[in-house]
C-alpha atoms as a PDB file:
ATOM      1  CA  CYS A   1      97.433  71.201 100.479  1.00  0.00           C
ATOM      2  CA  LYS A   2      98.505  68.270 102.561  1.00  0.00           C
ATOM      3  CA  GLN A   3      96.096  67.336 105.293  1.00  0.00           C
ATOM      4  CA  GLY A   4      97.280  66.896 108.835  1.00  0.00           C
ATOM      5  CA  GLY A   5      95.722  65.071 111.768  1.00  0.00           C
ATOM      6  CA  THR A   6      94.088  67.676 114.012  1.00  0.00           C
ATOM      7  CA  GLN A   7      90.475  68.780 113.972  1.00  0.00           C
ATOM      8  CA  MET A   8      91.525  72.334 113.131  1.00  0.00           C
ATOM      9  CA  LYS A   9      91.125  73.595 109.574  1.00  0.00           C
ATOM     10  CA  ILE A  10      92.783  76.726 108.268  1.00  0.00           C
ATOM     11  CA  ALA A  11      91.497  78.389 105.094  1.00  0.00           C
ATOM     12  CA  ILE A  12      94.457  79.646 103.052  1.00  0.00           C
ATOM     13  CA  ASP A  13      93.803  82.116 100.245  1.00  0.00           C
ATOM     14  CA  ALA A  14      96.455  83.022  97.680  1.00  0.00           C
ATOM     15  CA  GLY A  15      95.070  86.339  96.461  1.00  0.00           C
ATOM     16  CA  HIS A  16      94.051  87.035  92.843  1.00  0.00           C
ATOM     17  CA  GLY A  17      94.758  84.790  89.859  1.00  0.00           C
ATOM     18  CA  LEU A  18      97.838  84.296  87.694  1.00  0.00           C
ATOM     19  CA  HIS A  19      96.488  86.529  84.931  1.00  0.00           C
ATOM     20  CA  THR A  20      94.738  89.199  87.005  1.00  0.00           C
ATOM     21  CA  SER A  21      95.398  92.544  85.341  1.00  0.00           C
ATOM     22  CA  GLY A  22      98.025  94.795  86.890  1.00  0.00           C
ATOM     23  CA  LYS A  23      99.055  92.444  89.698  1.00  0.00           C
ATOM     24  CA  ARG A  24     102.777  92.069  89.029  1.00  0.00           C
ATOM     25  CA  CYS A  25     106.212  93.280  90.052  1.00  0.00           C
ATOM     26  CA  LEU A  26     107.502  96.602  88.741  1.00  0.00           C
ATOM     27  CA  ALA A  27     109.368  96.036  85.463  1.00  0.00           C
ATOM     28  CA  SER A  28     112.217  98.401  86.313  1.00  0.00           C
ATOM     29  CA  ILE A  29     113.056  96.226  89.345  1.00  0.00           C
ATOM     30  CA  ASP A  30     111.953  92.818  88.042  1.00  0.00           C
ATOM     31  CA  PRO A  31     112.258  92.591  84.226  1.00  0.00           C
ATOM     32  CA  ASN A  32     110.226  89.371  84.348  1.00  0.00           C
ATOM     33  CA  GLU A  33     107.307  91.264  85.907  1.00  0.00           C
ATOM     34  CA  THR A  34     106.568  88.308  88.153  1.00  0.00           C
ATOM     35  CA  ARG A  35     102.835  87.981  88.761  1.00  0.00           C
ATOM     36  CA  GLU A  36     101.515  88.550  92.247  1.00  0.00           C
ATOM     37  CA  TRP A  37      99.579  85.280  92.303  1.00  0.00           C
ATOM     38  CA  ALA A  38     102.803  83.339  91.696  1.00  0.00           C
ATOM     39  CA  LEU A  39     104.346  84.973  94.760  1.00  0.00           C
ATOM     40  CA  ASN A  40     101.167  84.542  96.806  1.00  0.00           C
ATOM     41  CA  SER A  41     100.734  80.905  95.843  1.00  0.00           C
ATOM     42  CA  ARG A  42     104.328  79.992  96.629  1.00  0.00           C
ATOM     43  CA  VAL A  43     104.008  81.376 100.145  1.00  0.00           C
ATOM     44  CA  ALA A  44     100.556  79.793 100.552  1.00  0.00           C
ATOM     45  CA  SER A  45     101.862  76.377  99.493  1.00  0.00           C
ATOM     46  CA  TYR A  46     104.680  76.550 101.997  1.00  0.00           C
ATOM     47  CA  VAL A  47     102.238  77.630 104.720  1.00  0.00           C
ATOM     48  CA  CYS A  48     100.141  74.543 103.976  1.00  0.00           C
ATOM     49  CA  ASP A  49     103.240  72.323 104.133  1.00  0.00           C
ATOM     50  CA  PHE A  50     104.445  73.820 107.409  1.00  0.00           C
ATOM     51  CA  LEU A  51     101.004  73.492 108.985  1.00  0.00           C
ATOM     52  CA  ALA A  52     100.636  69.903 107.782  1.00  0.00           C
ATOM     53  CA  ALA A  53     103.940  69.114 109.483  1.00  0.00           C
ATOM     54  CA  GLN A  54     102.316  70.268 112.739  1.00  0.00           C
ATOM     55  CA  GLY A  55      99.236  68.126 112.114  1.00  0.00           C
ATOM     56  CA  VAL A  56      96.999  71.031 111.074  1.00  0.00           C
ATOM     57  CA  ASN A  57      94.481  70.678 108.233  1.00  0.00           C
ATOM     58  CA  THR A  58      94.389  73.316 105.494  1.00  0.00           C
ATOM     59  CA  LEU A  59      92.015  74.322 102.723  1.00  0.00           C
ATOM     60  CA  ARG A  60      93.088  76.402  99.710  1.00  0.00           C
ATOM     61  CA  VAL A  61      90.117  78.513  98.652  1.00  0.00           C
ATOM     62  CA  ASP A  62      91.786  79.980  95.543  1.00  0.00           C
ATOM     63  CA  ASP A  63      92.472  78.133  92.280  1.00  0.00           C
ATOM     64  CA  ILE A  64      95.783  76.372  92.997  1.00  0.00           C
ATOM     65  CA  THR A  65      96.618  76.489  89.270  1.00  0.00           C
ATOM     66  CA  GLY A  66      96.106  80.249  89.129  1.00  0.00           C
ATOM     67  CA  ALA A  67      94.082  79.905  85.930  1.00  0.00           C
ATOM     68  CA  THR A  68      90.967  81.449  87.492  1.00  0.00           C
ATOM     69  CA  ASP A  69      90.751  84.463  89.759  1.00  0.00           C
ATOM     70  CA  VAL A  70      88.158  82.875  92.042  1.00  0.00           C
ATOM     71  CA  PRO A  71      85.519  85.448  93.098  1.00  0.00           C
ATOM     72  CA  LEU A  72      85.936  86.686  96.651  1.00  0.00           C
ATOM     73  CA  ALA A  73      82.415  85.548  97.501  1.00  0.00           C
ATOM     74  CA  SER A  74      83.302  82.007  96.436  1.00  0.00           C
ATOM     75  CA  ARG A  75      86.452  82.046  98.557  1.00  0.00           C
ATOM     76  CA  THR A  76      84.722  83.211 101.711  1.00  0.00           C
ATOM     77  CA  SER A  77      81.748  80.893 101.125  1.00  0.00           C
ATOM     78  CA  ALA A  78      84.096  77.912 100.817  1.00  0.00           C
ATOM     79  CA  ALA A  79      85.786  78.811 104.095  1.00  0.00           C
ATOM     80  CA  ASN A  80      82.484  79.426 105.860  1.00  0.00           C
ATOM     81  CA  SER A  81      80.933  76.197 104.563  1.00  0.00           C
ATOM     82  CA  ALA A  82      83.989  74.232 105.684  1.00  0.00           C
ATOM     83  CA  LYS A  83      83.704  75.853 109.132  1.00  0.00           C
ATOM     84  CA  ALA A  84      87.372  76.807 108.995  1.00  0.00           C
ATOM     85  CA  ASP A  85      88.883  77.933 112.274  1.00  0.00           C
ATOM     86  CA  TYR A  86      90.937  80.766 110.750  1.00  0.00           C
ATOM     87  CA  TYR A  87      91.109  82.491 107.360  1.00  0.00           C
ATOM     88  CA  VAL A  88      94.458  83.772 106.103  1.00  0.00           C
ATOM     89  CA  SER A  89      94.600  85.634 102.788  1.00  0.00           C
ATOM     90  CA  ILE A  90      98.132  86.006 101.390  1.00  0.00           C
ATOM     91  CA  HIS A  91      99.096  88.910  99.132  1.00  0.00           C
ATOM     92  CA  HIS A  92     102.013  91.104  98.072  1.00  0.00           C
ATOM     93  CA  ASN A  93     101.597  94.849  98.140  1.00  0.00           C
ATOM     94  CA  ALA A  94     102.261  97.794  95.780  1.00  0.00           C
ATOM     95  CA  GLY A  95     102.362 101.566  96.068  1.00  0.00           C
ATOM     96  CA  ILE A  96     106.050 102.347  96.612  1.00  0.00           C
ATOM     97  CA  ASN A  97     106.478 103.146  92.882  1.00  0.00           C
ATOM     98  CA  GLY A  98     110.153 102.263  92.695  1.00  0.00           C
ATOM     99  CA  GLY A  99     111.097 103.755  96.068  1.00  0.00           C
ATOM    100  CA  SER A 100     112.937 102.056  98.882  1.00  0.00           C
ATOM    101  CA  GLY A 101     110.138 101.779 101.441  1.00  0.00           C
ATOM    102  CA  GLY A 102     108.028  98.781 102.185  1.00  0.00           C
ATOM    103  CA  GLY A 103     107.670  95.948 104.658  1.00  0.00           C
ATOM    104  CA  PRO A 104     104.972  93.487 105.676  1.00  0.00           C
ATOM    105  CA  VAL A 105     101.482  94.583 106.729  1.00  0.00           C
ATOM    106  CA  VAL A 106      98.781  92.401 108.313  1.00  0.00           C
ATOM    107  CA  PHE A 107      95.137  93.536 108.178  1.00  0.00           C
ATOM    108  CA  VAL A 108      92.073  92.782 110.255  1.00  0.00           C
ATOM    109  CA  TYR A 109      88.545  94.011 109.543  1.00  0.00           C
ATOM    110  CA  ASN A 110      88.051  97.635 110.579  1.00  0.00           C
ATOM    111  CA  GLY A 111      84.571  96.891 111.891  1.00  0.00           C
ATOM    112  CA  LYS A 112      83.492  94.592 114.686  1.00  0.00           C
ATOM    113  CA  HIS A 113      85.791  91.581 114.846  1.00  0.00           C
ATOM    114  CA  SER A 114      86.975  89.025 117.365  1.00  0.00           C
ATOM    115  CA  ALA A 115      89.871  89.304 119.765  1.00  0.00           C
ATOM    116  CA  ALA A 116      91.182  86.143 118.080  1.00  0.00           C
ATOM    117  CA  SER A 117      91.542  88.109 114.840  1.00  0.00           C
ATOM    118  CA  ASP A 118      93.702  90.654 116.662  1.00  0.00           C
ATOM    119  CA  ALA A 119      95.806  87.872 118.166  1.00  0.00           C
ATOM    120  CA  LEU A 120      96.182  86.158 114.793  1.00  0.00           C
ATOM    121  CA  GLN A 121      97.226  89.463 113.221  1.00  0.00           C
ATOM    122  CA  ALA A 122      99.857  90.200 115.854  1.00  0.00           C
ATOM    123  CA  TYR A 123     101.303  86.690 115.993  1.00  0.00           C
ATOM    124  CA  ILE A 124     101.576  86.410 112.209  1.00  0.00           C
ATOM    125  CA  TYR A 125     103.261  89.797 111.907  1.00  0.00           C
ATOM    126  CA  ASN A 126     105.692  88.926 114.675  1.00  0.00           C
ATOM    127  CA  GLY A 127     106.337  85.532 113.091  1.00  0.00           C
ATOM    128  CA  ILE A 128     107.217  87.098 109.730  1.00  0.00           C
ATOM    129  CA  ILE A 129     109.574  89.616 111.323  1.00  0.00           C
ATOM    130  CA  ASN A 130     111.290  86.997 113.446  1.00  0.00           C
ATOM    131  CA  ALA A 131     111.650  84.576 110.519  1.00  0.00           C
ATOM    132  CA  CYS A 132     112.645  87.087 107.835  1.00  0.00           C
ATOM    133  CA  GLY A 133     114.308  89.849 109.858  1.00  0.00           C
ATOM    134  CA  LYS A 134     113.026  93.389 110.079  1.00  0.00           C
ATOM    135  CA  PHE A 135     112.623  95.085 106.710  1.00  0.00           C
ATOM    136  CA  GLY A 136     110.647  98.017 105.391  1.00  0.00           C
ATOM    137  CA  ASN A 137     109.398 101.109 107.174  1.00  0.00           C
ATOM    138  CA  ARG A 138     105.644 100.638 107.603  1.00  0.00           C
ATOM    139  CA  ALA A 139     104.398 103.018 110.283  1.00  0.00           C
ATOM    140  CA  ALA A 140     101.436 100.778 111.166  1.00  0.00           C
ATOM    141  CA  PRO A 141     102.204  97.177 110.157  1.00  0.00           C
ATOM    142  CA  LEU A 142      99.142  96.030 112.113  1.00  0.00           C
ATOM    143  CA  ALA A 143      96.343  97.648 110.146  1.00  0.00           C
ATOM    144  CA  ALA A 144      92.564  97.515 109.847  1.00  0.00           C
ATOM    145  CA  SER A 145      90.566  97.847 106.635  1.00  0.00           C
ATOM    146  CA  ASN A 146      87.129  97.155 105.168  1.00  0.00           C
ATOM    147  CA  LEU A 147      88.297  94.252 102.978  1.00  0.00           C
ATOM    148  CA  TYR A 148      85.761  91.806 101.545  1.00  0.00           C
ATOM    149  CA  VAL A 149      87.408  88.619 102.737  1.00  0.00           C
ATOM    150  CA  LEU A 150      87.686  90.020 106.260  1.00  0.00           C
ATOM    151  CA  ARG A 151      84.115  91.319 106.285  1.00  0.00           C
ATOM    152  CA  HIS A 152      82.403  88.184 104.948  1.00  0.00           C
ATOM    153  CA  THR A 153      84.190  85.421 106.839  1.00  0.00           C
ATOM    154  CA  THR A 154      82.624  83.949 109.961  1.00  0.00           C
ATOM    155  CA  MET A 155      85.920  82.981 111.592  1.00  0.00           C
ATOM    156  CA  PRO A 156      88.933  85.039 112.762  1.00  0.00           C
ATOM    157  CA  ALA A 157      90.508  86.369 109.580  1.00  0.00           C
ATOM    158  CA  VAL A 158      93.530  88.345 108.430  1.00  0.00           C
ATOM    159  CA  LEU A 159      94.975  89.521 105.139  1.00  0.00           C
ATOM    160  CA  VAL A 160      98.776  89.435 104.934  1.00  0.00           C
ATOM    161  CA  GLU A 161     100.786  91.669 102.588  1.00  0.00           C
ATOM    162  CA  CYS A 162     104.206  89.986 102.584  1.00  0.00           C
ATOM    163  CA  GLY A 163     106.089  92.898 101.008  1.00  0.00           C
ATOM    164  CA  PHE A 164     105.947  95.376  98.139  1.00  0.00           C
ATOM    165  CA  MET A 165     106.291  94.372  94.479  1.00  0.00           C
ATOM    166  CA  ASP A 166     107.455  97.861  93.488  1.00  0.00           C
ATOM    167  CA  SER A 167     110.061  98.504  96.189  1.00  0.00           C
ATOM    168  CA  THR A 168     113.779  98.398  95.467  1.00  0.00           C
ATOM    169  CA  VAL A 169     114.256  96.867  98.925  1.00  0.00           C
ATOM    170  CA  ASP A 170     111.337  94.436  99.116  1.00  0.00           C
ATOM    171  CA  THR A 171     111.173  93.133  95.552  1.00  0.00           C
ATOM    172  CA  PRO A 172     114.546  91.305  95.504  1.00  0.00           C
ATOM    173  CA  LEU A 173     113.542  89.713  98.816  1.00  0.00           C
ATOM    174  CA  ILE A 174     110.080  88.552  97.842  1.00  0.00           C
ATOM    175  CA  LEU A 175     111.309  87.099  94.542  1.00  0.00           C
ATOM    176  CA  SER A 176     113.563  84.645  96.385  1.00  0.00           C
ATOM    177  CA  ASP A 177     112.428  81.187  97.394  1.00  0.00           C
ATOM    178  CA  ASP A 178     114.322  81.549 100.676  1.00  0.00           C
ATOM    179  CA  PHE A 179     112.215  84.561 101.656  1.00  0.00           C
ATOM    180  CA  ALA A 180     108.994  82.790 100.646  1.00  0.00           C
ATOM    181  CA  ARG A 181     109.859  79.821 102.875  1.00  0.00           C
ATOM    182  CA  LYS A 182     110.759  82.042 105.821  1.00  0.00           C
ATOM    183  CA  CYS A 183     107.678  84.211 105.401  1.00  0.00           C
ATOM    184  CA  ALA A 184     105.468  81.120 105.220  1.00  0.00           C
ATOM    185  CA  ASP A 185     107.207  79.724 108.283  1.00  0.00           C
ATOM    186  CA  GLY A 186     106.410  82.927 110.156  1.00  0.00           C
ATOM    187  CA  ILE A 187     102.767  82.830 109.054  1.00  0.00           C
ATOM    188  CA  ALA A 188     102.379  79.169 110.018  1.00  0.00           C
ATOM    189  CA  TRP A 189     104.047  79.825 113.368  1.00  0.00           C
ATOM    190  CA  GLY A 190     101.647  82.722 113.978  1.00  0.00           C
ATOM    191  CA  ILE A 191      98.624  80.554 113.217  1.00  0.00           C
ATOM    192  CA  CYS A 192      99.806  77.850 115.598  1.00  0.00           C
ATOM    193  CA  ALA A 193     100.728  80.377 118.293  1.00  0.00           C
ATOM    194  CA  THR A 194      97.213  81.827 118.122  1.00  0.00           C
ATOM    195  CA  ALA A 195      95.660  78.365 118.356  1.00  0.00           C
ATOM    196  CA  GLY A 196      97.972  77.228 121.159  1.00  0.00           C
ATOM    197  CA  ILE A 197      99.502  74.477 119.013  1.00  0.00           C
ATOM    198  CA  ALA A 198     103.156  73.562 119.556  1.00  0.00           C
ATOM    199  CA  TYR A 199     105.240  74.505 116.526  1.00  0.00           C
ATOM    200  CA  ASN A 200     108.513  72.661 116.073  1.00  0.00           C
ATOM    201  CA  GLY A 201     111.614  73.576 114.093  1.00  0.00           C
ATOM    202  CA  SER A 202     110.644  77.132 113.234  1.00  0.00           C
ATOM    203  CA  SER A 203     112.905  80.065 112.440  1.00  0.00           C
ATOM    204  CA  ALA A 204     110.053  82.269 113.689  1.00  0.00           C
ATOM    205  CA  SER A 205     110.272  81.583 117.429  1.00  0.00           C
ATOM    206  CA  THR A 206     109.410  84.703 119.336  1.00  0.00           C
ATOM    207  CA  THR A 207     112.422  86.848 120.146  1.00  0.00           C
ATOM    208  CA  GLU A 208     110.569  90.069 120.944  1.00  0.00           C
ATOM    209  CA  PRO A 209     107.155  91.015 122.330  1.00  0.00           C
ATOM    210  CA  VAL A 210     104.202  90.633 120.004  1.00  0.00           C
ATOM    211  CA  PRO A 211     102.894  94.131 119.146  1.00  0.00           C
ATOM    212  CA  SER A 212      99.419  95.042 120.294  1.00  0.00           C
ATOM    213  CA  ALA A 213      96.684  95.231 117.677  1.00  0.00           C
ATOM    214  CA  PRO A 214      94.430  98.308 117.452  1.00  0.00           C
ATOM    215  CA  SER A 215      90.943  98.238 118.876  1.00  0.00           C
ATOM    216  CA  ALA A 216      88.182  98.301 116.268  1.00  0.00           C
ATOM    217  CA  GLY A 217      86.905 101.803 115.819  1.00  0.00           C
ATOM    218  CA  ALA A 218      89.597 103.356 118.011  1.00  0.00           C
ATOM    219  CA  ASP A 219      89.991 107.116 117.563  1.00  0.00           C
ATOM    220  CA  THR A 220      93.678 107.863 117.088  1.00  0.00           C
ATOM    221  CA  ASP A 221      93.131 111.465 115.974  1.00  0.00           C
ATOM    222  CA  ALA A 222      92.390 112.961 119.392  1.00  0.00           C
ATOM    223  CA  GLU A 223      93.800 116.395 120.128  1.00  0.00           C
ATOM    224  CA  ALA A 224      94.582 115.678 123.770  1.00  0.00           C
ATOM    225  CA  GLU A 225      97.312 113.355 124.948  1.00  0.00           C
ATOM    226  CA  THR A 226      96.358 110.030 126.473  1.00  0.00           C
ATOM    227  CA  ASP A 227      98.052 108.851 129.634  1.00  0.00           C
ATOM    228  CA  ILE A 228      98.248 105.235 128.470  1.00  0.00           C
ATOM    229  CA  PRO A 229     101.370 104.526 126.340  1.00  0.00           C
ATOM    230  CA  THR A 230     100.700 102.014 123.543  1.00  0.00           C
ATOM    231  CA  GLY A 231     102.808 100.275 120.923  1.00  0.00           C
ATOM    232  CA  TYR A 232     101.488 102.135 117.900  1.00  0.00           C
ATOM    233  CA  PRO A 233     102.223 105.742 118.912  1.00  0.00           C
ATOM    234  CA  ALA A 234     105.793 104.869 119.898  1.00  0.00           C
ATOM    235  CA  GLN A 235     106.377 103.051 116.587  1.00  0.00           C
ATOM    236  CA  PHE A 236     104.886 105.982 114.723  1.00  0.00           C
ATOM    237  CA  GLN A 237     106.984 108.521 116.618  1.00  0.00           C
ATOM    238  CA  ARG A 238     110.174 106.595 115.837  1.00  0.00           C
ATOM    239  CA  TRP A 239     109.171 106.448 112.158  1.00  0.00           C
ATOM    240  CA  LEU A 240     108.504 110.206 112.064  1.00  0.00           C
ATOM    241  CA  ASN A 241     111.862 110.868 113.730  1.00  0.00           C
ATOM    242  CA  ASP A 242     113.807 108.513 111.446  1.00  0.00           C
ATOM    243  CA  GLY A 243     112.111 109.433 108.199  1.00  0.00           C
ATOM    244  CA  TYR A 244     111.225 113.082 108.655  1.00  0.00           C
ATOM    245  CA  GLY A 245     113.430 114.440 111.457  1.00  0.00           C
ATOM    246  CA  ALA A 246     110.401 115.203 113.607  1.00  0.00           C
ATOM    247  CA  GLY A 247     112.448 115.409 116.819  1.00  0.00           C
ATOM    248  CA  LEU A 248     109.660 113.881 118.914  1.00  0.00           C
ATOM    249  CA  ASP A 249     110.018 112.360 122.355  1.00  0.00           C
ATOM    250  CA  VAL A 250     109.216 108.663 121.882  1.00  0.00           C
ATOM    251  CA  ASP A 251     106.808 108.534 124.792  1.00  0.00           C
ATOM    252  CA  GLY A 252     104.001 106.464 123.294  1.00  0.00           C
ATOM    253  CA  LEU A 253     101.521 109.304 123.716  1.00  0.00           C
ATOM    254  CA  TRP A 254      99.187 110.688 121.082  1.00  0.00           C
ATOM    255  CA  GLY A 255      99.574 114.422 121.490  1.00  0.00           C
ATOM    256  CA  PRO A 256      99.686 117.719 119.564  1.00  0.00           C
ATOM    257  CA  LYS A 257     103.399 117.387 118.710  1.00  0.00           C
ATOM    258  CA  THR A 258     102.951 113.904 117.286  1.00  0.00           C
ATOM    259  CA  LYS A 259      99.914 114.985 115.297  1.00  0.00           C
ATOM    260  CA  ARG A 260     101.768 117.988 113.901  1.00  0.00           C
ATOM    261  CA  GLY A 261     104.716 115.767 112.972  1.00  0.00           C
ATOM    262  CA  ALA A 262     102.351 113.435 111.140  1.00  0.00           C
ATOM    263  CA  ILE A 263     100.835 116.310 109.169  1.00  0.00           C
ATOM    264  CA  ARG A 264     104.321 117.563 108.274  1.00  0.00           C
ATOM    265  CA  ALA A 265     105.209 114.102 106.981  1.00  0.00           C
ATOM    266  CA  LEU A 266     102.044 114.012 104.887  1.00  0.00           C
ATOM    267  CA  GLN A 267     102.726 117.465 103.473  1.00  0.00           C
ATOM    268  CA  THR A 268     106.302 116.461 102.654  1.00  0.00           C
ATOM    269  CA  GLU A 269     105.117 113.388 100.722  1.00  0.00           C
ATOM    270  CA  LEU A 270     102.341 115.281  98.940  1.00  0.00           C
ATOM    271  CA  ASN A 271     104.956 117.762  97.732  1.00  0.00           C
ATOM    272  CA  ALA A 272     107.491 115.107  96.769  1.00  0.00           C
ATOM    273  CA  GLN A 273     105.115 112.650  95.085  1.00  0.00           C
ATOM    274  CA  PHE A 274     102.404 114.939  93.715  1.00  0.00           C
ATOM    275  CA  GLY A 275     103.985 118.395  93.463  1.00  0.00           C
ATOM    276  CA  ALA A 276     101.377 119.849  95.800  1.00  0.00           C
ATOM    277  CA  GLY A 277     103.469 122.953  96.619  1.00  0.00           C
ATOM    278  CA  LEU A 278     102.349 122.965 100.255  1.00  0.00           C
ATOM    279  CA  SER A 279     104.014 124.790 103.118  1.00  0.00           C
ATOM    280  CA  VAL A 280     105.368 122.091 105.394  1.00  0.00           C
ATOM    281  CA  ASP A 281     104.010 123.660 108.582  1.00  0.00           C
ATOM    282  CA  GLY A 282     102.203 120.760 110.257  1.00  0.00           C
ATOM    283  CA  LEU A 283      98.836 122.524 110.033  1.00  0.00           C
ATOM    284  CA  TRP A 284      95.629 121.443 108.322  1.00  0.00           C
ATOM    285  CA  GLY A 285      94.830 124.310 106.014  1.00  0.00           C
END
């Protein structure tokens, strides 16, 4: 990556290696079965270029040739030893299995983590959406998970899934160089926004409020309604209404109706995808 002129250093991680087993686009959508690392590395390279243009130093902790799938411990150790200010791991997702769903998802560690990680997560997600346009139907695009690179880094860290390699909607997008540039632009903008660095010439300038990130360890499965509306419940309610006809009031409250709608959606998908033969009644049974 090109080196800029500021004292900041951002560790950029293009996930996996070129030949990592199973990490590729779905053949029925992409006959070339493009490898995930190729997609990850293209976005990562553009992120480095965009950050360098803002005077921000970058460090690639993966093998930039893709020949070796660098162990996760080596990646995080390199970032920690370099005292990087932020760690951004770039991936492309799977799990749609030829369906039309998808969209970007940005992860933070689901254990104790810094407020800066939450800010980085939210700004990067918002940057991608503003640069690329809204796509996909992820109910919780700001997510938390026990991922190695998030758990073993000593700086604010996120893992970005830019889109799904097995989605009829996402795959044509993520294969294009135009999308890769825009996605990288959004990621670079998000990094600079978190750090308070001016970012010039971006297609990712904020046009809507940055969504709030979840608190680590927050309990979102409470039976009783809360009296504090938040971004996540409202997003989730809209998704349940649009995708499953839940008929919920979009009030931003976690309550019994929202929980029942969520269970109905799960039962519907278990029946459709796995032939579970469940009664779609919204009840845990």
